[in-house]
Amino acid sequence: MDIDIPKGISVKQETRFGKPCIEGTRIAIVDLLNLLKMGYSIKEIPAQYPGVTLKQVKTALDYAAKIIGKEEVLEINSAG
């Protein structure tokens, strides 16, 4: 899967086991997605992580959308 990592996102094995994070933090993009799942709005997320901006949150979510959009779906034949 070839997706460029945008400025503001880092992927380092030594930080959160290589999960994509907001650059300069240990806040993984999946953490932001979990807040959305719990009902937080995009505008409310920066308040949960002091120092994180709305722009960083939007960059992270845009990156997540690109990753999901590039996923391959494989058909599984369970009939045997």
C-alpha atoms as a PDB file:
ATOM      1  CA  MET A   1       0.000   0.000   0.000  1.00  0.00           C
ATOM      2  CA  ASP A   2       1.613   3.234  -1.143  1.00  0.00           C
ATOM      3  CA  ILE A   3       0.367   6.211   0.821  1.00  0.00           C
ATOM      4  CA  ASP A   4       2.628   9.119   1.613  1.00  0.00           C
ATOM      5  CA  ILE A   5       2.800  10.019   5.266  1.00  0.00           C
ATOM      6  CA  PRO A   6       1.822  13.694   5.487  1.00  0.00           C
ATOM      7  CA  LYS A   7       3.746  16.317   7.397  1.00  0.00           C
ATOM      8  CA  GLY A   8       2.490  16.251  10.967  1.00  0.00           C
ATOM      9  CA  ILE A   9       2.176  12.464  11.184  1.00  0.00           C
ATOM     10  CA  SER A  10       4.993  10.201  12.312  1.00  0.00           C
ATOM     11  CA  VAL A  11       5.394   6.459  12.184  1.00  0.00           C
ATOM     12  CA  LYS A  12       8.267   5.192  14.326  1.00  0.00           C
ATOM     13  CA  GLN A  13       8.687   1.684  15.645  1.00  0.00           C
ATOM     14  CA  GLU A  14       9.852   3.046  19.012  1.00  0.00           C
ATOM     15  CA  THR A  15       6.700   5.173  19.434  1.00  0.00           C
ATOM     16  CA  ARG A  16       3.493   3.256  20.096  1.00  0.00           C
ATOM     17  CA  PHE A  17       4.925   0.205  18.322  1.00  0.00           C
ATOM     18  CA  GLY A  18       4.883   1.914  14.942  1.00  0.00           C
ATOM     19  CA  LYS A  19       1.292   3.132  15.000  1.00  0.00           C
ATOM     20  CA  PRO A  20       0.798   6.426  13.139  1.00  0.00           C
ATOM     21  CA  CYS A  21       0.883   9.285  15.652  1.00  0.00           C
ATOM     22  CA  ILE A  22       0.597  13.037  15.697  1.00  0.00           C
ATOM     23  CA  GLU A  23       4.182  14.156  15.160  1.00  0.00           C
ATOM     24  CA  GLY A  24       6.023  15.012  18.357  1.00  0.00           C
ATOM     25  CA  THR A  25       3.509  13.157  20.534  1.00  0.00           C
ATOM     26  CA  ARG A  26       2.590   9.634  21.528  1.00  0.00           C
ATOM     27  CA  ILE A  27      -1.028  10.266  20.479  1.00  0.00           C
ATOM     28  CA  ALA A  28      -1.918   7.592  17.958  1.00  0.00           C
ATOM     29  CA  ILE A  29      -4.481   8.261  15.262  1.00  0.00           C
ATOM     30  CA  VAL A  30      -6.480   5.343  16.623  1.00  0.00           C
ATOM     31  CA  ASP A  31      -6.809   7.319  19.889  1.00  0.00           C
ATOM     32  CA  LEU A  32      -8.533  10.107  17.972  1.00  0.00           C
ATOM     33  CA  LEU A  33     -10.808   7.627  16.211  1.00  0.00           C
ATOM     34  CA  ASN A  34     -11.772   6.133  19.562  1.00  0.00           C
ATOM     35  CA  LEU A  35     -12.765   9.580  20.850  1.00  0.00           C
ATOM     36  CA  LEU A  36     -14.979  10.046  17.796  1.00  0.00           C
ATOM     37  CA  LYS A  37     -16.496   6.627  18.455  1.00  0.00           C
ATOM     38  CA  MET A  38     -17.269   7.729  22.028  1.00  0.00           C
ATOM     39  CA  GLY A  39     -19.172  10.745  20.723  1.00  0.00           C
ATOM     40  CA  TYR A  40     -16.625  13.555  20.849  1.00  0.00           C
ATOM     41  CA  SER A  41     -16.750  16.065  18.016  1.00  0.00           C
ATOM     42  CA  ILE A  42     -13.617  16.882  16.038  1.00  0.00           C
ATOM     43  CA  LYS A  43     -13.568  20.313  17.678  1.00  0.00           C
ATOM     44  CA  GLU A  44     -13.644  18.754  21.172  1.00  0.00           C
ATOM     45  CA  ILE A  45     -10.659  16.465  20.645  1.00  0.00           C
ATOM     46  CA  PRO A  46      -7.852  19.046  21.108  1.00  0.00           C
ATOM     47  CA  ALA A  47      -9.151  19.753  24.629  1.00  0.00           C
ATOM     48  CA  GLN A  48      -8.438  16.107  25.494  1.00  0.00           C
ATOM     49  CA  TYR A  49      -4.793  16.476  24.457  1.00  0.00           C
ATOM     50  CA  PRO A  50      -3.246  19.798  25.529  1.00  0.00           C
ATOM     51  CA  GLY A  51      -0.917  21.127  22.853  1.00  0.00           C
ATOM     52  CA  VAL A  52      -2.690  19.329  20.004  1.00  0.00           C
ATOM     53  CA  THR A  53      -4.369  21.623  17.494  1.00  0.00           C
ATOM     54  CA  LEU A  54      -7.532  21.194  15.484  1.00  0.00           C
ATOM     55  CA  LYS A  55      -5.388  21.275  12.338  1.00  0.00           C
ATOM     56  CA  GLN A  56      -3.335  18.318  13.622  1.00  0.00           C
ATOM     57  CA  VAL A  57      -6.504  16.380  14.391  1.00  0.00           C
ATOM     58  CA  LYS A  58      -7.862  17.034  10.901  1.00  0.00           C
ATOM     59  CA  THR A  59      -4.548  15.987   9.316  1.00  0.00           C
ATOM     60  CA  ALA A  60      -4.582  12.760  11.329  1.00  0.00           C
ATOM     61  CA  LEU A  61      -8.174  11.957  10.391  1.00  0.00           C
ATOM     62  CA  ASP A  62      -7.511  12.717   6.737  1.00  0.00           C
ATOM     63  CA  TYR A  63      -4.582  10.302   6.824  1.00  0.00           C
ATOM     64  CA  ALA A  64      -6.755   7.631   8.466  1.00  0.00           C
ATOM     65  CA  ALA A  65      -9.392   8.060   5.759  1.00  0.00           C
ATOM     66  CA  LYS A  66      -6.760   7.613   3.046  1.00  0.00           C
ATOM     67  CA  ILE A  67      -5.487   4.432   4.698  1.00  0.00           C
ATOM     68  CA  ILE A  68      -8.995   2.977   5.004  1.00  0.00           C
ATOM     69  CA  GLY A  69      -9.775   3.981   1.433  1.00  0.00           C
ATOM     70  CA  LYS A  70      -6.788   1.987   0.169  1.00  0.00           C
ATOM     71  CA  GLU A  71      -7.631  -1.209   2.065  1.00  0.00           C
ATOM     72  CA  GLU A  72      -8.107  -4.275  -0.040  1.00  0.00           C
ATOM     73  CA  VAL A  73     -11.184  -6.341   0.611  1.00  0.00           C
ATOM     74  CA  LEU A  74     -10.725 -10.057   0.120  1.00  0.00           C
ATOM     75  CA  GLU A  75     -13.641 -12.365  -0.412  1.00  0.00           C
ATOM     76  CA  ILE A  76     -13.714 -15.313   1.961  1.00  0.00           C
ATOM     77  CA  ASN A  77     -15.506 -18.402   0.767  1.00  0.00           C
ATOM     78  CA  SER A  78     -16.769 -20.163   3.887  1.00  0.00           C
ATOM     79  CA  ALA A  79     -18.573 -22.857   1.900  1.00  0.00           C
ATOM     80  CA  GLY A  80     -15.476 -24.831   1.774  1.00  0.00           C
END
